[in-house]
Amino acid sequence: MKRENKSGKALNLGTLGLNSFMVLLNLGQWFLVEVINWTELYSFGEQATGPYFYKSAALFAMVHLYWGLLFLAMLFLSIITVLFKKKILIRVALVLNLLFVAAYLYHGTIGG
């Protein structure tokens, strides 16, 4: 019984931790570029060798805002599933989170 309890807690923490990290990463990038206007760390413009959204600071900020809001919605979904203590829903939330992370990583390679 205790082992199931520990694995359930690890599943909860993993799901919430992954979501929280992705929310902070994306909304943090948006905040740095759009709100604070701290763009010295990035090479925006035509000379940018990164993904397509490095073409301008506004596009970079918008892309990270959209991803941050998507992961924020997933965080709320994950919190609800943890509160209801339904293991199958928590697993579904974790799989969705992993799919979104894979899509996020793939999105970062477009136009590079």
Protein backbone atom coordinates (compact mmCIF):
# COMPACT_ATOMS: atom_id res chain seq x y z
CA MET A 1 0.00 0.00 0.00
CA LYS A 2 2.79 2.42 0.86
CA ARG A 3 4.59 1.82 -2.42
CA GLU A 4 1.46 2.78 -4.37
CA ASN A 5 1.21 5.91 -2.26
CA LYS A 6 4.82 6.87 -3.02
CA SER A 7 4.46 6.25 -6.73
CA GLY A 8 1.25 8.31 -6.77
CA LYS A 9 3.00 11.19 -5.05
CA ALA A 10 5.93 10.95 -7.46
CA LEU A 11 3.50 10.99 -10.39
CA ASN A 12 1.75 14.06 -8.95
CA LEU A 13 5.02 15.87 -8.30
CA GLY A 14 6.39 15.00 -11.73
CA THR A 15 3.30 16.25 -13.51
CA LEU A 16 3.05 19.47 -11.52
CA GLY A 17 6.80 20.05 -11.60
CA LEU A 18 7.07 19.68 -15.36
CA ASN A 19 4.15 22.04 -15.89
CA SER A 20 5.44 24.61 -13.43
CA PHE A 21 8.88 24.58 -15.05
CA MET A 22 7.47 25.09 -18.55
CA VAL A 23 5.17 27.90 -17.37
CA LEU A 24 8.03 29.71 -15.64
CA LEU A 25 10.36 29.19 -18.59
CA ASN A 26 7.99 30.55 -21.21
CA LEU A 27 6.30 33.32 -19.25
CA GLY A 28 9.72 34.32 -17.91
CA GLN A 29 11.07 34.71 -21.44
CA TRP A 30 8.00 36.71 -22.43
CA PHE A 31 8.38 38.94 -19.36
CA LEU A 32 12.08 39.59 -20.03
CA VAL A 33 11.60 40.54 -23.66
CA GLU A 34 8.16 42.18 -23.75
CA VAL A 35 7.78 43.82 -20.34
CA ILE A 36 11.34 44.60 -19.24
CA ASN A 37 12.63 44.95 -22.84
CA TRP A 38 15.86 43.13 -21.98
CA THR A 39 16.99 41.93 -25.38
CA GLU A 40 20.78 42.08 -25.06
CA LEU A 41 20.93 38.32 -24.48
CA TYR A 42 19.32 37.54 -27.84
CA SER A 43 20.31 38.14 -31.44
CA PHE A 44 17.08 39.19 -33.11
CA GLY A 45 16.77 40.12 -36.75
CA GLU A 46 17.80 38.69 -40.08
CA GLN A 47 21.23 37.63 -38.77
CA ALA A 48 19.57 35.32 -36.22
CA THR A 49 20.51 31.70 -36.75
CA GLY A 50 17.89 30.28 -34.40
CA PRO A 51 14.26 29.38 -34.99
CA TYR A 52 11.96 31.60 -37.05
CA PHE A 53 10.64 33.46 -34.01
CA TYR A 54 14.03 35.11 -33.47
CA LYS A 55 13.24 37.41 -36.42
CA SER A 56 11.95 40.07 -34.02
CA ALA A 57 11.61 40.63 -30.30
CA ALA A 58 7.84 41.02 -30.59
CA LEU A 59 7.45 37.68 -32.39
CA PHE A 60 9.73 35.98 -29.86
CA ALA A 61 7.68 37.37 -26.97
CA MET A 62 4.37 36.42 -28.59
CA VAL A 63 5.48 32.82 -29.21
CA HIS A 64 6.64 32.42 -25.62
CA LEU A 65 3.45 34.01 -24.31
CA TYR A 66 1.33 31.52 -26.26
CA TRP A 67 3.37 28.55 -25.07
CA GLY A 68 3.31 29.88 -21.49
CA LEU A 69 -0.47 30.23 -21.54
CA LEU A 70 -0.85 26.72 -22.98
CA PHE A 71 1.31 25.26 -20.23
CA LEU A 72 -0.53 27.37 -17.65
CA ALA A 73 -3.82 25.85 -18.79
CA MET A 74 -2.24 22.41 -18.51
CA LEU A 75 -1.02 23.29 -15.02
CA PHE A 76 -4.57 24.13 -13.94
CA LEU A 77 -5.80 20.87 -15.47
CA SER A 78 -3.07 18.98 -13.64
CA ILE A 79 -3.90 20.65 -10.32
CA ILE A 80 -7.55 19.68 -10.75
CA THR A 81 -6.63 16.07 -11.51
CA VAL A 82 -4.38 15.92 -8.44
CA LEU A 83 -7.14 17.34 -6.26
CA PHE A 84 -9.62 14.74 -7.52
CA LYS A 85 -7.00 12.02 -6.88
CA LYS A 86 -7.87 10.10 -10.03
CA LYS A 87 -4.76 8.21 -11.10
CA ILE A 88 -5.95 7.72 -14.66
CA LEU A 89 -6.56 11.46 -15.09
CA ILE A 90 -3.16 12.28 -13.62
CA ARG A 91 -1.56 9.87 -16.08
CA VAL A 92 -3.48 11.44 -18.95
CA ALA A 93 -2.35 14.90 -17.80
CA LEU A 94 1.27 13.71 -17.64
CA VAL A 95 1.09 12.20 -21.13
CA LEU A 96 -0.46 15.42 -22.48
CA ASN A 97 2.28 17.44 -20.80
CA LEU A 98 4.97 15.26 -22.34
CA LEU A 99 3.34 15.61 -25.77
CA PHE A 100 3.22 19.39 -25.36
CA VAL A 101 6.88 19.44 -24.33
CA ALA A 102 7.75 17.39 -27.42
CA ALA A 103 5.74 19.82 -29.58
CA TYR A 104 7.49 22.74 -27.88
CA LEU A 105 10.90 21.24 -28.61
CA TYR A 106 9.94 20.51 -32.21
CA HIS A 107 8.59 24.04 -32.61
CA GLY A 108 12.01 25.34 -31.55
CA THR A 109 13.61 23.64 -34.57
CA ILE A 110 11.35 25.22 -37.21
CA GLY A 111 13.23 27.63 -39.41
CA GLY A 112 16.59 27.01 -37.78
